[in-house]
Amino acid sequence: MLLLIAKSTVIEGKQNEFMRLANALVQQSRQETGCLQYDLVQEESEPNIFYFIEKYVDAEALQVHQTSTYFQQIVPQLGQIRTQNAEVKQCNVIEYDTTK
């Protein structure tokens, strides 16, 4: 499994626009077969900082997500209201055998 954490620092005053676009991305991404989790969270102490928390069954599912039509349309719009490019961390989920 893959987990992505994508940090976005949004231009002051553009938080509502960012959340509106992000909501469309979240809702459509959650419909993807290989998507296990797709959430948007906002920092409490810095309300212009958001994180997408994404979990996929494998790299192929991530590829499907990143090449989807809606991703290709929405992400550039999000980029226009960020102060800088998103900071994306890709992680492998460590799974433990809980039966032992």
N, C-alpha and C. Protein backbone atom coordinates (compact mmCIF):
# COMPACT_ATOMS: atom_id res chain seq x y z
N MET A 1 0.84 -1.18 0.00
CA MET A 1 0.00 0.00 0.00
C MET A 1 0.88 1.24 0.00
N LEU A 2 0.37 2.28 -0.64
CA LEU A 2 1.06 3.56 -0.69
C LEU A 2 0.25 4.62 0.03
N LEU A 3 0.96 5.49 0.72
CA LEU A 3 0.33 6.63 1.38
C LEU A 3 1.02 7.88 0.86
N LEU A 4 0.23 8.86 0.46
CA LEU A 4 0.76 10.15 0.05
C LEU A 4 0.27 11.21 1.00
N ILE A 5 1.17 12.12 1.34
CA ILE A 5 0.83 13.29 2.14
C ILE A 5 1.29 14.49 1.32
N ALA A 6 0.33 15.27 0.88
CA ALA A 6 0.63 16.42 0.02
C ALA A 6 0.26 17.71 0.75
N LYS A 7 1.27 18.50 1.05
CA LYS A 7 1.08 19.76 1.78
C LYS A 7 0.90 20.91 0.80
N SER A 8 -0.13 21.71 1.06
CA SER A 8 -0.39 22.90 0.25
C SER A 8 -0.45 24.11 1.16
N THR A 9 0.34 25.11 0.84
CA THR A 9 0.26 26.39 1.53
C THR A 9 -0.47 27.35 0.59
N VAL A 10 -1.64 27.80 1.03
CA VAL A 10 -2.55 28.56 0.19
C VAL A 10 -2.37 30.06 0.42
N ILE A 11 -2.52 30.82 -0.66
CA ILE A 11 -2.45 32.28 -0.58
C ILE A 11 -3.52 32.76 0.41
N GLU A 12 -3.12 33.67 1.27
CA GLU A 12 -4.05 34.22 2.28
C GLU A 12 -5.31 34.75 1.59
N GLY A 13 -6.46 34.36 2.14
CA GLY A 13 -7.73 34.79 1.59
C GLY A 13 -8.29 33.87 0.51
N LYS A 14 -7.53 32.86 0.11
CA LYS A 14 -7.97 31.94 -0.94
C LYS A 14 -8.36 30.57 -0.38
N GLN A 15 -8.48 30.46 0.95
CA GLN A 15 -8.78 29.17 1.57
C GLN A 15 -10.11 28.59 1.10
N ASN A 16 -11.16 29.40 1.01
CA ASN A 16 -12.46 28.89 0.59
C ASN A 16 -12.43 28.39 -0.85
N GLU A 17 -11.75 29.11 -1.72
CA GLU A 17 -11.62 28.67 -3.11
C GLU A 17 -10.86 27.35 -3.17
N PHE A 18 -9.79 27.24 -2.37
CA PHE A 18 -9.01 26.01 -2.33
C PHE A 18 -9.88 24.85 -1.86
N MET A 19 -10.64 25.07 -0.79
CA MET A 19 -11.48 24.00 -0.25
C MET A 19 -12.58 23.58 -1.23
N ARG A 20 -13.11 24.52 -1.98
CA ARG A 20 -14.13 24.20 -2.98
C ARG A 20 -13.55 23.29 -4.06
N LEU A 21 -12.40 23.64 -4.60
CA LEU A 21 -11.74 22.82 -5.61
C LEU A 21 -11.32 21.47 -5.03
N ALA A 22 -10.75 21.51 -3.83
CA ALA A 22 -10.29 20.28 -3.18
C ALA A 22 -11.44 19.33 -2.92
N ASN A 23 -12.60 19.85 -2.57
CA ASN A 23 -13.76 19.00 -2.32
C ASN A 23 -14.12 18.20 -3.58
N ALA A 24 -14.08 18.85 -4.72
CA ALA A 24 -14.37 18.14 -5.98
C ALA A 24 -13.34 17.03 -6.21
N LEU A 25 -12.08 17.32 -5.92
CA LEU A 25 -11.02 16.32 -6.09
C LEU A 25 -11.21 15.16 -5.12
N VAL A 26 -11.51 15.47 -3.87
CA VAL A 26 -11.71 14.43 -2.85
C VAL A 26 -12.87 13.53 -3.24
N GLN A 27 -14.00 14.12 -3.59
CA GLN A 27 -15.20 13.33 -3.88
C GLN A 27 -14.98 12.39 -5.07
N GLN A 28 -14.34 12.88 -6.11
CA GLN A 28 -14.11 12.03 -7.28
C GLN A 28 -13.04 10.98 -7.02
N SER A 29 -12.01 11.35 -6.28
CA SER A 29 -10.92 10.40 -5.98
C SER A 29 -11.42 9.24 -5.15
N ARG A 30 -12.32 9.50 -4.23
CA ARG A 30 -12.86 8.44 -3.37
C ARG A 30 -13.64 7.39 -4.16
N GLN A 31 -14.03 7.70 -5.39
CA GLN A 31 -14.76 6.76 -6.23
C GLN A 31 -13.83 5.80 -6.98
N GLU A 32 -12.54 6.08 -6.99
CA GLU A 32 -11.58 5.24 -7.70
C GLU A 32 -11.45 3.87 -7.02
N THR A 33 -11.40 2.84 -7.82
CA THR A 33 -11.32 1.47 -7.30
C THR A 33 -10.10 1.27 -6.39
N GLY A 34 -8.95 1.77 -6.76
CA GLY A 34 -7.73 1.53 -6.00
C GLY A 34 -7.45 2.53 -4.90
N CYS A 35 -8.36 3.48 -4.70
CA CYS A 35 -8.19 4.49 -3.65
C CYS A 35 -8.82 3.99 -2.36
N LEU A 36 -8.04 3.89 -1.30
CA LEU A 36 -8.53 3.42 -0.01
C LEU A 36 -8.90 4.57 0.92
N GLN A 37 -8.26 5.71 0.73
CA GLN A 37 -8.51 6.88 1.58
C GLN A 37 -8.13 8.13 0.80
N TYR A 38 -8.92 9.17 0.97
CA TYR A 38 -8.59 10.46 0.35
C TYR A 38 -9.26 11.54 1.18
N ASP A 39 -8.48 12.24 1.97
CA ASP A 39 -9.00 13.25 2.88
C ASP A 39 -8.23 14.55 2.73
N LEU A 40 -8.89 15.64 3.04
CA LEU A 40 -8.26 16.94 3.12
C LEU A 40 -8.33 17.38 4.58
N VAL A 41 -7.19 17.79 5.13
CA VAL A 41 -7.15 18.29 6.51
C VAL A 41 -6.51 19.68 6.50
N GLN A 42 -6.88 20.47 7.50
CA GLN A 42 -6.40 21.84 7.62
C GLN A 42 -5.73 22.01 8.97
N GLU A 43 -4.57 22.65 8.96
CA GLU A 43 -3.88 22.91 10.23
C GLU A 43 -4.71 23.86 11.10
N GLU A 44 -4.78 23.56 12.38
CA GLU A 44 -5.51 24.43 13.30
C GLU A 44 -4.80 25.75 13.53
N SER A 45 -3.48 25.68 13.71
CA SER A 45 -2.72 26.89 14.05
C SER A 45 -2.38 27.74 12.84
N GLU A 46 -2.41 27.17 11.64
CA GLU A 46 -2.11 27.92 10.41
C GLU A 46 -3.17 27.55 9.36
N PRO A 47 -4.29 28.26 9.35
CA PRO A 47 -5.42 27.86 8.51
C PRO A 47 -5.21 27.97 7.01
N ASN A 48 -4.06 28.45 6.57
CA ASN A 48 -3.78 28.47 5.14
C ASN A 48 -2.92 27.27 4.72
N ILE A 49 -2.72 26.32 5.63
CA ILE A 49 -1.96 25.10 5.31
C ILE A 49 -2.91 23.91 5.35
N PHE A 50 -2.91 23.17 4.24
CA PHE A 50 -3.76 22.00 4.07
C PHE A 50 -2.91 20.80 3.69
N TYR A 51 -3.43 19.61 3.99
CA TYR A 51 -2.78 18.36 3.61
C TYR A 51 -3.81 17.45 2.97
N PHE A 52 -3.46 16.87 1.83
CA PHE A 52 -4.22 15.76 1.27
C PHE A 52 -3.58 14.50 1.84
N ILE A 53 -4.38 13.63 2.43
CA ILE A 53 -3.93 12.34 2.94
C ILE A 53 -4.55 11.29 2.02
N GLU A 54 -3.71 10.57 1.29
CA GLU A 54 -4.19 9.65 0.26
C GLU A 54 -3.59 8.26 0.47
N LYS A 55 -4.41 7.24 0.32
CA LYS A 55 -3.91 5.87 0.44
C LYS A 55 -4.42 5.06 -0.76
N TYR A 56 -3.50 4.33 -1.38
CA TYR A 56 -3.79 3.53 -2.58
C TYR A 56 -3.34 2.09 -2.39
N VAL A 57 -4.01 1.18 -3.08
CA VAL A 57 -3.65 -0.23 -2.96
C VAL A 57 -2.26 -0.50 -3.53
N ASP A 58 -1.87 0.24 -4.57
CA ASP A 58 -0.55 0.04 -5.18
C ASP A 58 -0.20 1.21 -6.08
N ALA A 59 0.99 1.13 -6.69
CA ALA A 59 1.47 2.20 -7.56
C ALA A 59 0.59 2.37 -8.80
N GLU A 60 0.02 1.29 -9.28
CA GLU A 60 -0.86 1.36 -10.44
C GLU A 60 -2.11 2.20 -10.12
N ALA A 61 -2.66 2.01 -8.95
CA ALA A 61 -3.83 2.80 -8.54
C ALA A 61 -3.48 4.28 -8.44
N LEU A 62 -2.30 4.58 -7.95
CA LEU A 62 -1.84 5.97 -7.89
C LEU A 62 -1.70 6.55 -9.30
N GLN A 63 -1.17 5.76 -10.21
CA GLN A 63 -1.02 6.20 -11.60
C GLN A 63 -2.38 6.50 -12.23
N VAL A 64 -3.35 5.64 -11.98
CA VAL A 64 -4.71 5.87 -12.48
C VAL A 64 -5.24 7.20 -11.95
N HIS A 65 -5.02 7.46 -10.68
CA HIS A 65 -5.48 8.70 -10.06
C HIS A 65 -4.82 9.91 -10.72
N GLN A 66 -3.51 9.87 -10.85
CA GLN A 66 -2.77 11.04 -11.35
C GLN A 66 -3.00 11.31 -12.84
N THR A 67 -3.49 10.32 -13.56
CA THR A 67 -3.76 10.53 -14.99
C THR A 67 -5.24 10.73 -15.28
N SER A 68 -6.07 10.76 -14.24
CA SER A 68 -7.51 10.95 -14.45
C SER A 68 -7.78 12.36 -14.98
N THR A 69 -8.86 12.48 -15.70
CA THR A 69 -9.24 13.76 -16.30
C THR A 69 -9.46 14.83 -15.23
N TYR A 70 -10.19 14.48 -14.17
CA TYR A 70 -10.48 15.48 -13.14
C TYR A 70 -9.22 15.91 -12.41
N PHE A 71 -8.28 14.99 -12.16
CA PHE A 71 -7.02 15.34 -11.52
C PHE A 71 -6.27 16.34 -12.41
N GLN A 72 -6.20 16.04 -13.70
CA GLN A 72 -5.49 16.90 -14.64
C GLN A 72 -6.14 18.29 -14.75
N GLN A 73 -7.44 18.39 -14.49
CA GLN A 73 -8.13 19.67 -14.55
C GLN A 73 -8.04 20.45 -13.25
N ILE A 74 -8.19 19.76 -12.12
CA ILE A 74 -8.28 20.45 -10.83
C ILE A 74 -6.92 20.84 -10.26
N VAL A 75 -5.94 19.98 -10.36
CA VAL A 75 -4.64 20.24 -9.73
C VAL A 75 -3.99 21.53 -10.24
N PRO A 76 -4.01 21.82 -11.55
CA PRO A 76 -3.45 23.11 -11.98
C PRO A 76 -4.19 24.31 -11.39
N GLN A 77 -5.49 24.19 -11.19
CA GLN A 77 -6.26 25.28 -10.58
C GLN A 77 -5.84 25.47 -9.12
N LEU A 78 -5.60 24.35 -8.41
CA LEU A 78 -5.12 24.44 -7.03
C LEU A 78 -3.75 25.11 -7.01
N GLY A 79 -2.92 24.78 -7.98
CA GLY A 79 -1.58 25.35 -8.06
C GLY A 79 -1.58 26.87 -8.18
N GLN A 80 -2.60 27.42 -8.79
CA GLN A 80 -2.67 28.87 -8.99
C GLN A 80 -2.97 29.61 -7.69
N ILE A 81 -3.45 28.91 -6.67
CA ILE A 81 -3.76 29.60 -5.41
C ILE A 81 -2.88 29.11 -4.26
N ARG A 82 -1.81 28.41 -4.60
CA ARG A 82 -0.79 28.05 -3.60
C ARG A 82 0.32 29.10 -3.62
N THR A 83 1.02 29.21 -2.51
CA THR A 83 2.16 30.12 -2.46
C THR A 83 3.40 29.49 -3.08
N GLN A 84 3.38 28.16 -3.19
CA GLN A 84 4.50 27.41 -3.77
C GLN A 84 3.96 26.06 -4.21
N ASN A 85 4.80 25.28 -4.89
CA ASN A 85 4.37 23.95 -5.30
C ASN A 85 4.04 23.10 -4.08
N ALA A 86 3.13 22.15 -4.27
CA ALA A 86 2.80 21.23 -3.18
C ALA A 86 4.03 20.42 -2.79
N GLU A 87 4.15 20.14 -1.52
CA GLU A 87 5.21 19.27 -1.01
C GLU A 87 4.61 17.89 -0.82
N VAL A 88 5.05 16.93 -1.62
CA VAL A 88 4.44 15.60 -1.62
C VAL A 88 5.44 14.57 -1.07
N LYS A 89 4.98 13.82 -0.10
CA LYS A 89 5.76 12.72 0.46
C LYS A 89 5.03 11.42 0.12
N GLN A 90 5.74 10.49 -0.50
CA GLN A 90 5.18 9.18 -0.81
C GLN A 90 5.80 8.17 0.13
N CYS A 91 4.94 7.41 0.80
CA CYS A 91 5.39 6.47 1.82
C CYS A 91 4.83 5.08 1.54
N ASN A 92 5.55 4.07 1.95
CA ASN A 92 5.05 2.71 1.91
C ASN A 92 4.42 2.41 3.27
N VAL A 93 3.23 1.88 3.27
CA VAL A 93 2.54 1.53 4.50
C VAL A 93 3.11 0.22 5.01
N ILE A 94 3.53 0.19 6.24
CA ILE A 94 4.06 -1.03 6.85
C ILE A 94 2.90 -1.78 7.45
N GLU A 95 2.72 -3.00 6.98
CA GLU A 95 1.62 -3.81 7.46
C GLU A 95 2.17 -4.89 8.37
N TYR A 96 1.52 -5.05 9.51
CA TYR A 96 1.93 -6.02 10.50
C TYR A 96 0.96 -7.20 10.50
N ASP A 97 1.49 -8.37 10.75
CA ASP A 97 0.64 -9.55 10.90
C ASP A 97 0.14 -9.56 12.34
N THR A 98 -1.11 -9.24 12.54
CA THR A 98 -1.67 -9.14 13.89
C THR A 98 -2.13 -10.48 14.44
N THR A 99 -1.97 -11.55 13.65
CA THR A 99 -2.39 -12.86 14.13
C THR A 99 -1.32 -13.55 14.95
N LYS A 100 -0.14 -12.99 15.00
CA LYS A 100 0.97 -13.61 15.74
C LYS A 100 1.12 -12.98 17.09
